[in-house]
PDB file of N, CA and C in Angstrom:
ATOM      1  N   UNK A   1      34.576 -36.800 -26.580  1.00  0.00           N
ATOM      2  CA  UNK A   1      35.721 -37.527 -26.065  1.00  0.00           C
ATOM      3  C   UNK A   1      35.275 -38.911 -25.625  1.00  0.00           C
ATOM      4  N   UNK A   2      35.917 -39.909 -26.124  1.00  0.00           N
ATOM      5  CA  UNK A   2      35.549 -41.276 -25.773  1.00  0.00           C
ATOM      6  C   UNK A   2      35.735 -41.541 -24.290  1.00  0.00           C
ATOM      7  N   UNK A   3      36.782 -40.960 -23.692  1.00  0.00           N
ATOM      8  CA  UNK A   3      37.030 -41.166 -22.264  1.00  0.00           C
ATOM      9  C   UNK A   3      35.885 -40.602 -21.425  1.00  0.00           C
ATOM     10  N   UNK A   4      35.410 -39.415 -21.774  1.00  0.00           N
ATOM     11  CA  UNK A   4      34.300 -38.794 -21.050  1.00  0.00           C
ATOM     12  C   UNK A   4      33.039 -39.630 -21.226  1.00  0.00           C
ATOM     13  N   UNK A   5      32.813 -40.131 -22.426  1.00  0.00           N
ATOM     14  CA  UNK A   5      31.657 -40.983 -22.684  1.00  0.00           C
ATOM     15  C   UNK A   5      31.671 -42.234 -21.810  1.00  0.00           C
ATOM     16  N   UNK A   6      32.848 -42.650 -21.379  1.00  0.00           N
ATOM     17  CA  UNK A   6      32.987 -43.852 -20.548  1.00  0.00           C
ATOM     18  C   UNK A   6      33.085 -43.530 -19.061  1.00  0.00           C
ATOM     19  N   UNK A   7      32.825 -42.254 -18.707  1.00  0.00           N
ATOM     20  CA  UNK A   7      32.762 -41.894 -17.301  1.00  0.00           C
ATOM     21  C   UNK A   7      34.016 -41.265 -16.714  1.00  0.00           C
ATOM     22  N   UNK A   8      35.022 -41.039 -17.522  1.00  0.00           N
ATOM     23  CA  UNK A   8      36.230 -40.395 -17.027  1.00  0.00           C
ATOM     24  C   UNK A   8      36.042 -38.884 -16.970  1.00  0.00           C
ATOM     25  N   UNK A   9      36.774 -38.237 -16.067  1.00  0.00           N
ATOM     26  CA  UNK A   9      36.825 -36.775 -16.033  1.00  0.00           C
ATOM     27  C   UNK A   9      37.968 -36.328 -16.927  1.00  0.00           C
ATOM     28  N   UNK A  10      37.780 -35.192 -17.596  1.00  0.00           N
ATOM     29  CA  UNK A  10      38.830 -34.689 -18.476  1.00  0.00           C
ATOM     30  C   UNK A  10      39.172 -33.248 -18.121  1.00  0.00           C
ATOM     31  N   UNK A  11      40.477 -32.988 -17.988  1.00  0.00           N
ATOM     32  CA  UNK A  11      41.001 -31.646 -17.778  1.00  0.00           C
ATOM     33  C   UNK A  11      41.924 -31.357 -18.946  1.00  0.00           C
ATOM     34  N   UNK A  12      41.731 -30.217 -19.573  1.00  0.00           N
ATOM     35  CA  UNK A  12      42.565 -29.838 -20.709  1.00  0.00           C
ATOM     36  C   UNK A  12      43.533 -28.751 -20.267  1.00  0.00           C
ATOM     37  N   UNK A  13      44.813 -28.958 -20.555  1.00  0.00           N
ATOM     38  CA  UNK A  13      45.853 -27.964 -20.293  1.00  0.00           C
ATOM     39  C   UNK A  13      46.134 -27.189 -21.567  1.00  0.00           C
ATOM     40  N   UNK A  14      46.290 -25.876 -21.430  1.00  0.00           N
ATOM     41  CA  UNK A  14      46.703 -25.047 -22.551  1.00  0.00           C
ATOM     42  C   UNK A  14      47.671 -23.986 -22.045  1.00  0.00           C
ATOM     43  N   UNK A  15      48.537 -23.530 -22.913  1.00  0.00           N
ATOM     44  CA  UNK A  15      49.548 -22.546 -22.543  1.00  0.00           C
ATOM     45  C   UNK A  15      49.141 -21.190 -23.105  1.00  0.00           C
ATOM     46  N   UNK A  16      49.125 -20.176 -22.244  1.00  0.00           N
ATOM     47  CA  UNK A  16      48.798 -18.814 -22.647  1.00  0.00           C
ATOM     48  C   UNK A  16      50.059 -18.129 -23.158  1.00  0.00           C
ATOM     49  N   UNK A  17      50.010 -17.684 -24.416  1.00  0.00           N
ATOM     50  CA  UNK A  17      51.143 -17.006 -25.051  1.00  0.00           C
ATOM     51  C   UNK A  17      50.667 -15.625 -25.501  1.00  0.00           C
ATOM     52  N   UNK A  18      51.064 -14.573 -24.773  1.00  0.00           N
ATOM     53  CA  UNK A  18      50.618 -13.229 -25.136  1.00  0.00           C
ATOM     54  C   UNK A  18      50.963 -12.889 -26.586  1.00  0.00           C
ATOM     55  N   UNK A  19      49.974 -12.322 -27.277  1.00  0.00           N
ATOM     56  CA  UNK A  19      50.172 -11.931 -28.665  1.00  0.00           C
ATOM     57  C   UNK A  19      50.040 -13.066 -29.662  1.00  0.00           C
ATOM     58  N   UNK A  20      49.898 -14.290 -29.182  1.00  0.00           N
ATOM     59  CA  UNK A  20      49.760 -15.447 -30.066  1.00  0.00           C
ATOM     60  C   UNK A  20      48.368 -16.063 -29.925  1.00  0.00           C
ATOM     61  N   UNK A  21      47.986 -16.445 -28.705  1.00  0.00           N
ATOM     62  CA  UNK A  21      46.695 -17.104 -28.527  1.00  0.00           C
ATOM     63  C   UNK A  21      45.839 -16.488 -27.427  1.00  0.00           C
ATOM     64  N   UNK A  22      46.266 -15.379 -26.870  1.00  0.00           N
ATOM     65  CA  UNK A  22      45.543 -14.786 -25.745  1.00  0.00           C
ATOM     66  C   UNK A  22      44.109 -14.389 -26.098  1.00  0.00           C
ATOM     67  N   UNK A  23      43.871 -13.937 -27.285  1.00  0.00           N
ATOM     68  CA  UNK A  23      42.519 -13.517 -27.696  1.00  0.00           C
ATOM     69  C   UNK A  23      41.611 -14.706 -28.011  1.00  0.00           C
ATOM     70  N   UNK A  24      42.175 -15.880 -28.217  1.00  0.00           N
ATOM     71  CA  UNK A  24      41.394 -17.060 -28.571  1.00  0.00           C
ATOM     72  C   UNK A  24      40.984 -17.913 -27.368  1.00  0.00           C
ATOM     73  N   UNK A  25      41.364 -17.528 -26.163  1.00  0.00           N
ATOM     74  CA  UNK A  25      41.069 -18.361 -24.993  1.00  0.00           C
ATOM     75  C   UNK A  25      39.575 -18.622 -24.789  1.00  0.00           C
ATOM     76  N   UNK A  26      38.689 -17.617 -24.896  1.00  0.00           N
ATOM     77  CA  UNK A  26      37.259 -17.929 -24.725  1.00  0.00           C
ATOM     78  C   UNK A  26      36.739 -18.916 -25.776  1.00  0.00           C
ATOM     79  N   UNK A  27      37.187 -18.779 -27.013  1.00  0.00           N
ATOM     80  CA  UNK A  27      36.778 -19.719 -28.058  1.00  0.00           C
ATOM     81  C   UNK A  27      37.306 -21.113 -27.744  1.00  0.00           C
ATOM     82  N   UNK A  28      38.540 -21.203 -27.292  1.00  0.00           N
ATOM     83  CA  UNK A  28      39.106 -22.493 -26.907  1.00  0.00           C
ATOM     84  C   UNK A  28      38.309 -23.094 -25.754  1.00  0.00           C
ATOM     85  N   UNK A  29      37.943 -22.271 -24.779  1.00  0.00           N
ATOM     86  CA  UNK A  29      37.169 -22.757 -23.636  1.00  0.00           C
ATOM     87  C   UNK A  29      35.850 -23.371 -24.100  1.00  0.00           C
ATOM     88  N   UNK A  30      35.175 -22.717 -25.042  1.00  0.00           N
ATOM     89  CA  UNK A  30      33.916 -23.264 -25.567  1.00  0.00           C
ATOM     90  C   UNK A  30      34.145 -24.597 -26.272  1.00  0.00           C
ATOM     91  N   UNK A  31      35.187 -24.680 -27.070  1.00  0.00           N
ATOM     92  CA  UNK A  31      35.475 -25.927 -27.800  1.00  0.00           C
ATOM     93  C   UNK A  31      35.816 -27.062 -26.835  1.00  0.00           C
ATOM     94  N   UNK A  32      36.577 -26.734 -25.804  1.00  0.00           N
ATOM     95  CA  UNK A  32      36.968 -27.732 -24.803  1.00  0.00           C
ATOM     96  C   UNK A  32      35.723 -28.247 -24.075  1.00  0.00           C
ATOM     97  N   UNK A  33      34.834 -27.325 -23.691  1.00  0.00           N
ATOM     98  CA  UNK A  33      33.595 -27.720 -23.019  1.00  0.00           C
ATOM     99  C   UNK A  33      32.743 -28.595 -23.937  1.00  0.00           C
ATOM    100  N   UNK A  34      32.613 -28.181 -25.190  1.00  0.00           N
ATOM    101  CA  UNK A  34      31.817 -28.944 -26.155  1.00  0.00           C
ATOM    102  C   UNK A  34      32.386 -30.340 -26.377  1.00  0.00           C
ATOM    103  N   UNK A  35      33.698 -30.474 -26.254  1.00  0.00           N
ATOM    104  CA  UNK A  35      34.337 -31.783 -26.431  1.00  0.00           C
ATOM    105  C   UNK A  35      34.127 -32.689 -25.221  1.00  0.00           C
ATOM    106  N   UNK A  36      33.649 -32.107 -24.113  1.00  0.00           N
ATOM    107  CA  UNK A  36      33.327 -32.929 -22.953  1.00  0.00           C
ATOM    108  C   UNK A  36      34.211 -32.746 -21.753  1.00  0.00           C
ATOM    109  N   UNK A  37      35.220 -31.909 -21.841  1.00  0.00           N
ATOM    110  CA  UNK A  37      36.088 -31.687 -20.683  1.00  0.00           C
ATOM    111  C   UNK A  37      35.326 -30.929 -19.606  1.00  0.00           C
ATOM    112  N   UNK A  38      35.733 -31.138 -18.363  1.00  0.00           N
ATOM    113  CA  UNK A  38      35.070 -30.478 -17.245  1.00  0.00           C
ATOM    114  C   UNK A  38      35.867 -29.344 -16.653  1.00  0.00           C
ATOM    115  N   UNK A  39      37.152 -29.258 -16.995  1.00  0.00           N
ATOM    116  CA  UNK A  39      38.038 -28.247 -16.417  1.00  0.00           C
ATOM    117  C   UNK A  39      39.051 -27.827 -17.472  1.00  0.00           C
ATOM    118  N   UNK A  40      39.375 -26.527 -17.474  1.00  0.00           N
ATOM    119  CA  UNK A  40      40.417 -25.991 -18.345  1.00  0.00           C
ATOM    120  C   UNK A  40      41.523 -25.409 -17.476  1.00  0.00           C
ATOM    121  N   UNK A  41      42.749 -25.778 -17.762  1.00  0.00           N
ATOM    122  CA  UNK A  41      43.923 -25.283 -17.035  1.00  0.00           C
ATOM    123  C   UNK A  41      44.723 -24.390 -17.974  1.00  0.00           C
ATOM    124  N   UNK A  42      44.629 -23.080 -17.770  1.00  0.00           N
ATOM    125  CA  UNK A  42      45.404 -22.134 -18.570  1.00  0.00           C
ATOM    126  C   UNK A  42      46.702 -21.864 -17.824  1.00  0.00           C
ATOM    127  N   UNK A  43      47.802 -22.257 -18.442  1.00  0.00           N
ATOM    128  CA  UNK A  43      49.125 -22.114 -17.823  1.00  0.00           C
ATOM    129  C   UNK A  43      49.923 -21.036 -18.547  1.00  0.00           C
ATOM    130  N   UNK A  44      50.808 -20.351 -17.837  1.00  0.00           N
ATOM    131  CA  UNK A  44      51.632 -19.334 -18.492  1.00  0.00           C
ATOM    132  C   UNK A  44      52.776 -19.972 -19.275  1.00  0.00           C
ATOM    133  N   UNK A  45      53.107 -19.364 -20.398  1.00  0.00           N
ATOM    134  CA  UNK A  45      54.271 -19.793 -21.168  1.00  0.00           C
ATOM    135  C   UNK A  45      55.530 -19.617 -20.332  1.00  0.00           C
ATOM    136  N   UNK A  46      56.423 -20.586 -20.408  1.00  0.00           N
ATOM    137  CA  UNK A  46      57.776 -20.450 -19.864  1.00  0.00           C
ATOM    138  C   UNK A  46      58.679 -20.312 -21.081  1.00  0.00           C
ATOM    139  N   UNK A  47      59.137 -19.091 -21.388  1.00  0.00           N
ATOM    140  CA  UNK A  47      59.936 -18.890 -22.601  1.00  0.00           C
ATOM    141  C   UNK A  47      61.251 -19.680 -22.565  1.00  0.00           C
ATOM    142  N   UNK A  48      61.397 -20.592 -23.494  1.00  0.00           N
ATOM    143  CA  UNK A  48      62.637 -21.363 -23.626  1.00  0.00           C
ATOM    144  C   UNK A  48      62.618 -22.080 -24.972  1.00  0.00           C
ATOM    145  N   UNK A  49      63.726 -22.640 -25.346  1.00  0.00           N
ATOM    146  CA  UNK A  49      63.821 -23.362 -26.604  1.00  0.00           C
ATOM    147  C   UNK A  49      63.420 -22.502 -27.783  1.00  0.00           C
ATOM    148  N   UNK A  50      62.595 -23.052 -28.662  1.00  0.00           N
ATOM    149  CA  UNK A  50      62.154 -22.315 -29.841  1.00  0.00           C
ATOM    150  C   UNK A  50      61.232 -21.152 -29.493  1.00  0.00           C
ATOM    151  N   UNK A  51      60.756 -21.102 -28.278  1.00  0.00           N
ATOM    152  CA  UNK A  51      59.863 -20.024 -27.857  1.00  0.00           C
ATOM    153  C   UNK A  51      60.549 -19.044 -26.902  1.00  0.00           C
ATOM    154  N   UNK A  52      61.856 -19.093 -26.847  1.00  0.00           N
ATOM    155  CA  UNK A  52      62.573 -18.243 -25.900  1.00  0.00           C
ATOM    156  C   UNK A  52      62.448 -16.755 -26.204  1.00  0.00           C
ATOM    157  N   UNK A  53      62.102 -16.399 -27.435  1.00  0.00           N
ATOM    158  CA  UNK A  53      61.942 -14.986 -27.795  1.00  0.00           C
ATOM    159  C   UNK A  53      60.564 -14.440 -27.410  1.00  0.00           C
ATOM    160  N   UNK A  54      59.642 -15.326 -27.085  1.00  0.00           N
ATOM    161  CA  UNK A  54      58.304 -14.896 -26.673  1.00  0.00           C
ATOM    162  C   UNK A  54      58.329 -14.559 -25.187  1.00  0.00           C
ATOM    163  N   UNK A  55      57.396 -13.734 -24.758  1.00  0.00           N
ATOM    164  CA  UNK A  55      57.366 -13.369 -23.345  1.00  0.00           C
ATOM    165  C   UNK A  55      56.292 -14.149 -22.602  1.00  0.00           C
ATOM    166  N   UNK A  56      56.531 -14.357 -21.347  1.00  0.00           N
ATOM    167  CA  UNK A  56      55.537 -14.991 -20.489  1.00  0.00           C
ATOM    168  C   UNK A  56      54.425 -13.986 -20.191  1.00  0.00           C
ATOM    169  N   UNK A  57      53.216 -14.456 -19.973  1.00  0.00           N
ATOM    170  CA  UNK A  57      52.155 -13.531 -19.597  1.00  0.00           C
ATOM    171  C   UNK A  57      52.383 -13.008 -18.183  1.00  0.00           C
ATOM    172  N   UNK A  58      51.903 -11.809 -17.946  1.00  0.00           N
ATOM    173  CA  UNK A  58      51.954 -11.266 -16.596  1.00  0.00           C
ATOM    174  C   UNK A  58      50.896 -11.980 -15.746  1.00  0.00           C
ATOM    175  N   UNK A  59      50.993 -11.814 -14.445  1.00  0.00           N
ATOM    176  CA  UNK A  59      49.979 -12.397 -13.552  1.00  0.00           C
ATOM    177  C   UNK A  59      48.598 -11.845 -13.889  1.00  0.00           C
ATOM    178  N   UNK A  60      48.518 -10.555 -14.218  1.00  0.00           N
ATOM    179  CA  UNK A  60      47.235  -9.951 -14.579  1.00  0.00           C
ATOM    180  C   UNK A  60      46.690 -10.533 -15.880  1.00  0.00           C
ATOM    181  N   UNK A  61      47.553 -10.777 -16.867  1.00  0.00           N
ATOM    182  CA  UNK A  61      47.100 -11.371 -18.128  1.00  0.00           C
ATOM    183  C   UNK A  61      46.588 -12.789 -17.908  1.00  0.00           C
ATOM    184  N   UNK A  62      47.270 -13.546 -17.087  1.00  0.00           N
ATOM    185  CA  UNK A  62      46.837 -14.908 -16.782  1.00  0.00           C
ATOM    186  C   UNK A  62      45.509 -14.886 -16.035  1.00  0.00           C
ATOM    187  N   UNK A  63      45.398 -14.023 -15.048  1.00  0.00           N
ATOM    188  CA  UNK A  63      44.162 -13.889 -14.282  1.00  0.00           C
ATOM    189  C   UNK A  63      43.005 -13.475 -15.200  1.00  0.00           C
ATOM    190  N   UNK A  64      43.248 -12.540 -16.107  1.00  0.00           N
ATOM    191  CA  UNK A  64      42.208 -12.080 -17.029  1.00  0.00           C
ATOM    192  C   UNK A  64      41.765 -13.195 -17.969  1.00  0.00           C
ATOM    193  N   UNK A  65      42.704 -13.958 -18.497  1.00  0.00           N
ATOM    194  CA  UNK A  65      42.361 -15.072 -19.382  1.00  0.00           C
ATOM    195  C   UNK A  65      41.475 -16.083 -18.658  1.00  0.00           C
ATOM    196  N   UNK A  66      41.828 -16.390 -17.422  1.00  0.00           N
ATOM    197  CA  UNK A  66      41.019 -17.334 -16.645  1.00  0.00           C
ATOM    198  C   UNK A  66      39.638 -16.763 -16.357  1.00  0.00           C
ATOM    199  N   UNK A  67      39.571 -15.478 -16.017  1.00  0.00           N
ATOM    200  CA  UNK A  67      38.270 -14.847 -15.758  1.00  0.00           C
ATOM    201  C   UNK A  67      37.410 -14.839 -17.011  1.00  0.00           C
ATOM    202  N   UNK A  68      38.016 -14.599 -18.164  1.00  0.00           N
ATOM    203  CA  UNK A  68      37.277 -14.574 -19.430  1.00  0.00           C
ATOM    204  C   UNK A  68      36.683 -15.937 -19.766  1.00  0.00           C
ATOM    205  N   UNK A  69      37.261 -16.996 -19.230  1.00  0.00           N
ATOM    206  CA  UNK A  69      36.814 -18.352 -19.551  1.00  0.00           C
ATOM    207  C   UNK A  69      35.991 -18.989 -18.431  1.00  0.00           C
ATOM    208  N   UNK A  70      36.017 -18.401 -17.253  1.00  0.00           N
ATOM    209  CA  UNK A  70      35.352 -18.984 -16.084  1.00  0.00           C
ATOM    210  C   UNK A  70      33.864 -19.227 -16.305  1.00  0.00           C
ATOM    211  N   UNK A  71      33.193 -18.330 -17.012  1.00  0.00           N
ATOM    212  CA  UNK A  71      31.765 -18.500 -17.267  1.00  0.00           C
ATOM    213  C   UNK A  71      31.453 -19.584 -18.282  1.00  0.00           C
ATOM    214  N   UNK A  72      32.474 -20.048 -18.982  1.00  0.00           N
ATOM    215  CA  UNK A  72      32.299 -21.073 -20.012  1.00  0.00           C
ATOM    216  C   UNK A  72      32.587 -22.460 -19.447  1.00  0.00           C
ATOM    217  N   UNK A  73      33.697 -22.577 -18.718  1.00  0.00           N
ATOM    218  CA  UNK A  73      34.138 -23.858 -18.156  1.00  0.00           C
ATOM    219  C   UNK A  73      34.940 -23.563 -16.890  1.00  0.00           C
ATOM    220  N   UNK A  74      34.804 -24.378 -15.842  1.00  0.00           N
ATOM    221  CA  UNK A  74      35.583 -24.141 -14.626  1.00  0.00           C
ATOM    222  C   UNK A  74      37.084 -24.108 -14.921  1.00  0.00           C
ATOM    223  N   UNK A  75      37.766 -23.251 -14.187  1.00  0.00           N
ATOM    224  CA  UNK A  75      39.210 -23.080 -14.359  1.00  0.00           C
ATOM    225  C   UNK A  75      39.976 -23.801 -13.269  1.00  0.00           C
ATOM    226  N   UNK A  76      41.105 -24.324 -13.631  1.00  0.00           N
ATOM    227  CA  UNK A  76      42.001 -25.000 -12.699  1.00  0.00           C
ATOM    228  C   UNK A  76      43.002 -23.959 -12.214  1.00  0.00           C
ATOM    229  N   UNK A  77      43.092 -23.765 -10.893  1.00  0.00           N
ATOM    230  CA  UNK A  77      43.948 -22.709 -10.342  1.00  0.00           C
ATOM    231  C   UNK A  77      45.115 -23.240  -9.519  1.00  0.00           C
ATOM    232  N   UNK A  78      45.275 -24.532  -9.431  1.00  0.00           N
ATOM    233  CA  UNK A  78      46.287 -25.095  -8.533  1.00  0.00           C
ATOM    234  C   UNK A  78      47.607 -25.436  -9.221  1.00  0.00           C
ATOM    235  N   UNK A  79      47.692 -25.215 -10.518  1.00  0.00           N
ATOM    236  CA  UNK A  79      48.901 -25.585 -11.254  1.00  0.00           C
ATOM    237  C   UNK A  79      50.075 -24.701 -10.850  1.00  0.00           C
ATOM    238  N   UNK A  80      51.216 -25.334 -10.600  1.00  0.00           N
ATOM    239  CA  UNK A  80      52.434 -24.618 -10.251  1.00  0.00           C
ATOM    240  C   UNK A  80      53.555 -24.947 -11.224  1.00  0.00           C
ATOM    241  N   UNK A  81      53.211 -25.409 -12.408  1.00  0.00           N
ATOM    242  CA  UNK A  81      54.166 -25.759 -13.455  1.00  0.00           C
ATOM    243  C   UNK A  81      55.171 -26.814 -12.995  1.00  0.00           C
ATOM    244  N   UNK A  82      54.726 -27.687 -12.120  1.00  0.00           N
ATOM    245  CA  UNK A  82      55.635 -28.727 -11.630  1.00  0.00           C
ATOM    246  C   UNK A  82      54.985 -30.103 -11.687  1.00  0.00           C
ATOM    247  N   UNK A  83      53.892 -30.209 -12.411  1.00  0.00           N
ATOM    248  CA  UNK A  83      53.100 -31.432 -12.539  1.00  0.00           C
ATOM    249  C   UNK A  83      52.316 -31.727 -11.269  1.00  0.00           C
ATOM    250  N   UNK A  84      52.258 -30.784 -10.325  1.00  0.00           N
ATOM    251  CA  UNK A  84      51.439 -30.976  -9.125  1.00  0.00           C
ATOM    252  C   UNK A  84      49.968 -31.015  -9.485  1.00  0.00           C
ATOM    253  N   UNK A  85      49.603 -30.544 -10.671  1.00  0.00           N
ATOM    254  CA  UNK A  85      48.199 -30.515 -11.065  1.00  0.00           C
ATOM    255  C   UNK A  85      47.616 -31.914 -11.196  1.00  0.00           C
ATOM    256  N   UNK A  86      48.412 -32.940 -11.339  1.00  0.00           N
ATOM    257  CA  UNK A  86      47.869 -34.285 -11.465  1.00  0.00           C
ATOM    258  C   UNK A  86      47.506 -34.871 -10.110  1.00  0.00           C
ATOM    259  N   UNK A  87      47.907 -34.229  -9.030  1.00  0.00           N
ATOM    260  CA  UNK A  87      47.618 -34.729  -7.699  1.00  0.00           C
ATOM    261  C   UNK A  87      46.190 -34.420  -7.271  1.00  0.00           C
ATOM    262  N   UNK A  88      45.647 -33.311  -7.681  1.00  0.00           N
ATOM    263  CA  UNK A  88      44.327 -32.879  -7.232  1.00  0.00           C
ATOM    264  C   UNK A  88      43.498 -32.349  -8.393  1.00  0.00           C
ATOM    265  N   UNK A  89      42.343 -32.933  -8.594  1.00  0.00           N
ATOM    266  CA  UNK A  89      41.384 -32.414  -9.574  1.00  0.00           C
ATOM    267  C   UNK A  89      40.176 -31.912  -8.809  1.00  0.00           C
ATOM    268  N   UNK A  90      39.726 -30.689  -9.101  1.00  0.00           N
ATOM    269  CA  UNK A  90      38.560 -30.153  -8.367  1.00  0.00           C
ATOM    270  C   UNK A  90      37.297 -30.921  -8.703  1.00  0.00           C
TER     271      UNK A  90
END
């Protein structure tokens, strides 16, 4: 990442969609780390629009996805799906 090369911190946001990308989270975490990001924010899907037929992950599924990736890259836990995540970076 050019921004990281210039001294910026990078946090990558991704949406957890059960049955679609839940099994790929550890691989994504490795790719994100390799690209230079320092934090990964796994957020739950909010079913709406074209994705309204998909289900949101349970709290346990979200917690498990974050735990599966914690050893690869630090996880962001302060997101409340309201853009409050831009106020504080760990």
